[in-house]
Amino acid sequence: MNDNRNKDSNDTLEIHSLSEIDNFPFKTHSEFVSSIKIGSSTVELEYTAARELININKSKLCATTFKCIIWLPNILILLSVVLVIYKSNWFFLIGIISAFSGEFLANPYNPLKKFFIFITFLAYVYLFYNQSIFNPISWLCFSFAISFSTIWIVNRIAWHLAYNDMLNSEVLTAHLFLSGNLHIKLKDGQYFSNKK
């Protein structure tokens, strides 16, 4: 199985032109880009691939910054333990659950993401009026809101960076499509994807 995966990966890397891909709906990269700009097609990019591309296409500083930001939910979990000890209040452990929940629910494929964006907004409103994070309820809101916002923002930024890179690179477009991370929908409803 590993041999097959390596073969697929090598085949993907060897392709440099979209015309070499049988099931790609456009003959050239310029046609593909033009169709997106005029609205005759839309694309879907896998968020996981978009985040991985930061480590490949962007500077080391940019990649390191993203990694540090993604660690924020874990830092909040550690701080929850610190607050339990410092405040001698076990209720601050709720921050662990809250931080995990915020990170999990920020998944871009979550069908209820708009609802949880609203919940996050309410959490920020509560924190604004409460003017403190050092009580259990405020810490719950803070942990959830920061975790959710962090992952949601990182995913959105990574997606847009990958999207712009794709528009400027035929090789990257081919790689994303063949690896099943780029899906194309035409205006007439036709859908093209290499996802297995």
Protein backbone atom coordinates (compact mmCIF):
# COMPACT_ATOMS: atom_id res chain seq x y z
CA MET A 1 0.00 0.00 0.00
CA ASN A 2 2.85 2.41 0.85
CA ASP A 3 4.40 1.65 -2.53
CA ASN A 4 1.17 2.64 -4.26
CA ARG A 5 0.94 5.88 -2.28
CA ASN A 6 4.53 6.74 -3.11
CA LYS A 7 3.84 6.02 -6.77
CA ASP A 8 0.77 8.30 -6.73
CA SER A 9 2.80 11.03 -5.03
CA ASN A 10 5.60 10.73 -7.57
CA ASP A 11 3.14 10.81 -10.46
CA THR A 12 1.64 13.99 -9.04
CA LEU A 13 5.01 15.69 -8.76
CA GLU A 14 5.98 14.71 -12.32
CA ILE A 15 2.99 16.52 -13.86
CA HIS A 16 3.73 20.16 -14.68
CA SER A 17 0.87 20.99 -17.05
CA LEU A 18 -2.89 20.79 -16.54
CA SER A 19 -3.24 19.49 -20.10
CA GLU A 20 -1.63 16.26 -18.87
CA ILE A 21 -4.55 15.61 -16.51
CA ASP A 22 -7.35 13.73 -18.28
CA ASN A 23 -10.22 14.73 -15.99
CA PHE A 24 -9.26 18.38 -15.45
CA PRO A 25 -12.01 20.55 -16.98
CA PHE A 26 -9.69 23.18 -18.51
CA LYS A 27 -6.94 22.88 -21.12
CA THR A 28 -4.69 25.55 -19.65
CA HIS A 29 -4.06 27.24 -16.33
CA SER A 30 -4.97 30.64 -17.78
CA GLU A 31 -8.40 29.28 -18.81
CA PHE A 32 -8.87 27.93 -15.30
CA VAL A 33 -7.97 31.24 -13.66
CA SER A 34 -10.15 33.22 -16.08
CA SER A 35 -13.17 31.01 -15.39
CA ILE A 36 -12.83 31.68 -11.66
CA LYS A 37 -12.45 35.43 -12.12
CA ILE A 38 -15.53 35.72 -14.35
CA GLY A 39 -17.56 33.44 -12.08
CA SER A 40 -18.11 30.55 -14.49
CA SER A 41 -16.53 28.15 -12.00
CA THR A 42 -15.87 27.95 -8.27
CA VAL A 43 -13.29 25.97 -6.34
CA GLU A 44 -13.12 24.17 -3.03
CA LEU A 45 -9.76 23.72 -1.31
CA GLU A 46 -9.19 21.27 1.52
CA TYR A 47 -8.24 23.23 4.64
CA THR A 48 -5.73 20.64 5.83
CA ALA A 49 -3.80 20.91 2.58
CA ALA A 50 -3.96 24.70 2.74
CA ARG A 51 -2.37 24.69 6.18
CA GLU A 52 0.32 22.24 5.08
CA LEU A 53 1.21 24.47 2.13
CA ILE A 54 2.27 27.23 4.52
CA ASN A 55 5.24 25.07 5.53
CA ILE A 56 6.15 24.59 1.85
CA ASN A 57 5.38 27.86 0.07
CA LYS A 58 5.92 30.47 2.77
CA SER A 59 8.95 31.68 4.66
CA LYS A 60 10.24 29.90 7.74
CA LEU A 61 9.18 32.88 9.85
CA CYS A 62 5.63 32.72 8.50
CA ALA A 63 5.40 28.96 9.05
CA THR A 64 6.77 29.24 12.59
CA THR A 65 4.35 32.06 13.40
CA PHE A 66 1.41 29.94 12.26
CA LYS A 67 2.59 27.00 14.36
CA CYS A 68 2.85 29.22 17.43
CA ILE A 69 -0.64 30.65 16.89
CA ILE A 70 -2.13 27.16 16.48
CA TRP A 71 -0.65 26.30 19.89
CA LEU A 72 -2.80 28.91 21.65
CA PRO A 73 -5.58 26.45 22.64
CA ASN A 74 -2.98 24.18 24.25
CA ILE A 75 -1.52 27.12 26.14
CA LEU A 76 -5.00 27.93 27.48
CA ILE A 77 -5.32 24.34 28.68
CA LEU A 78 -2.04 24.66 30.59
CA LEU A 79 -3.12 28.02 32.01
CA SER A 80 -6.32 26.42 33.28
CA VAL A 81 -4.23 24.05 35.39
CA VAL A 82 -2.11 26.96 36.62
CA LEU A 83 -5.24 28.90 37.64
CA VAL A 84 -6.58 25.90 39.57
CA ILE A 85 -3.39 25.88 41.63
CA TYR A 86 -3.02 29.66 41.93
CA LYS A 87 -6.70 30.36 42.75
CA SER A 88 -7.26 27.09 44.65
CA ASN A 89 -10.46 26.71 42.68
CA TRP A 90 -11.16 23.47 40.80
CA PHE A 91 -13.82 25.15 38.68
CA PHE A 92 -11.08 26.67 36.51
CA LEU A 93 -10.59 23.19 35.06
CA ILE A 94 -13.63 23.97 32.94
CA GLY A 95 -11.20 25.97 30.81
CA ILE A 96 -9.68 22.69 29.59
CA ILE A 97 -13.02 21.46 28.27
CA SER A 98 -13.82 24.90 26.89
CA ALA A 99 -10.51 25.24 25.02
CA PHE A 100 -10.83 21.74 23.54
CA SER A 101 -14.42 22.48 22.50
CA GLY A 102 -13.50 25.75 20.84
CA GLU A 103 -10.70 24.10 18.89
CA PHE A 104 -12.91 21.18 17.80
CA LEU A 105 -15.99 23.24 16.90
CA ALA A 106 -13.93 25.66 14.77
CA ASN A 107 -13.62 22.86 12.22
CA PRO A 108 -14.51 24.54 8.88
CA TYR A 109 -16.65 21.52 7.94
CA ASN A 110 -18.80 21.86 11.06
CA PRO A 111 -22.38 22.28 9.73
CA LEU A 112 -23.20 24.45 12.77
CA LYS A 113 -20.19 26.75 12.43
CA LYS A 114 -22.32 29.89 11.97
CA PHE A 115 -24.12 29.13 15.21
CA PHE A 116 -20.83 28.74 17.07
CA ILE A 117 -19.47 31.93 15.51
CA PHE A 118 -22.48 33.64 17.11
CA ILE A 119 -21.77 31.89 20.43
CA THR A 120 -18.18 33.12 20.23
CA PHE A 121 -19.42 36.65 19.63
CA LEU A 122 -21.64 36.40 22.72
CA ALA A 123 -18.64 35.15 24.72
CA TYR A 124 -16.65 38.24 23.72
CA VAL A 125 -19.60 40.49 24.62
CA TYR A 126 -19.80 38.86 28.06
CA LEU A 127 -16.06 39.33 28.58
CA PHE A 128 -16.28 42.97 27.51
CA TYR A 129 -18.96 43.73 30.08
CA ASN A 130 -17.46 41.56 32.81
CA GLN A 131 -14.00 43.15 32.45
CA SER A 132 -12.26 40.11 33.93
CA ILE A 133 -11.21 36.61 32.95
CA PHE A 134 -10.21 35.46 36.43
CA ASN A 135 -13.45 33.84 37.52
CA PRO A 136 -14.64 30.42 36.32
CA ILE A 137 -17.46 31.61 34.01
CA SER A 138 -15.31 34.31 32.43
CA TRP A 139 -12.45 31.86 31.99
CA LEU A 140 -14.82 29.40 30.32
CA CYS A 141 -15.91 32.12 27.85
CA PHE A 142 -12.35 33.32 27.31
CA SER A 143 -10.93 29.83 26.67
CA PHE A 144 -13.69 28.95 24.22
CA ALA A 145 -13.65 32.27 22.38
CA ILE A 146 -9.86 32.42 21.96
CA SER A 147 -9.56 28.75 20.92
CA PHE A 148 -12.42 28.97 18.43
CA SER A 149 -11.23 32.30 16.98
CA THR A 150 -7.63 31.12 16.67
CA ILE A 151 -8.41 27.98 14.69
CA TRP A 152 -11.11 29.66 12.59
CA ILE A 153 -8.83 32.58 11.64
CA VAL A 154 -5.81 30.34 10.93
CA ASN A 155 -7.91 28.14 8.63
CA ARG A 156 -9.30 31.14 6.75
CA ILE A 157 -5.88 32.77 6.29
CA ALA A 158 -4.29 29.48 5.19
CA TRP A 159 -7.12 28.90 2.69
CA HIS A 160 -6.73 32.34 1.10
CA LEU A 161 -2.95 32.01 0.92
CA ALA A 162 -3.27 28.62 -0.79
CA TYR A 163 -5.98 29.99 -3.10
CA ASN A 164 -3.76 32.88 -4.26
CA ASP A 165 -0.77 30.57 -4.72
CA MET A 166 -2.92 28.20 -6.77
CA LEU A 167 -4.01 31.02 -9.09
CA ASN A 168 -0.36 31.88 -9.71
CA SER A 169 1.02 28.36 -10.17
CA GLU A 170 0.01 25.73 -12.70
CA VAL A 171 2.20 23.11 -11.00
CA LEU A 172 0.55 23.73 -7.63
CA THR A 173 -2.91 23.61 -9.21
CA ALA A 174 -2.08 20.24 -10.77
CA HIS A 175 -0.69 18.93 -7.49
CA LEU A 176 -3.75 20.03 -5.50
CA PHE A 177 -6.17 18.54 -8.02
CA LEU A 178 -4.38 15.20 -8.38
CA SER A 179 -3.96 14.83 -4.62
CA GLY A 180 -7.71 15.29 -4.16
CA ASN A 181 -7.40 18.64 -2.39
CA LEU A 182 -8.87 20.82 -5.14
CA HIS A 183 -12.46 20.43 -6.32
CA ILE A 184 -13.98 22.40 -9.19
CA LYS A 185 -17.62 23.17 -9.83
CA LEU A 186 -18.72 24.67 -13.16
CA LYS A 187 -21.62 27.04 -13.55
CA ASP A 188 -23.67 24.37 -15.31
CA GLY A 189 -23.41 22.12 -12.24
CA GLN A 190 -20.62 19.78 -13.38
CA TYR A 191 -18.31 18.79 -10.54
CA PHE A 192 -14.69 17.69 -10.96
CA SER A 193 -12.70 16.11 -8.19
CA ASN A 194 -9.91 13.57 -7.86
CA LYS A 195 -10.74 12.77 -4.24
CA LYS A 196 -10.89 9.06 -3.53
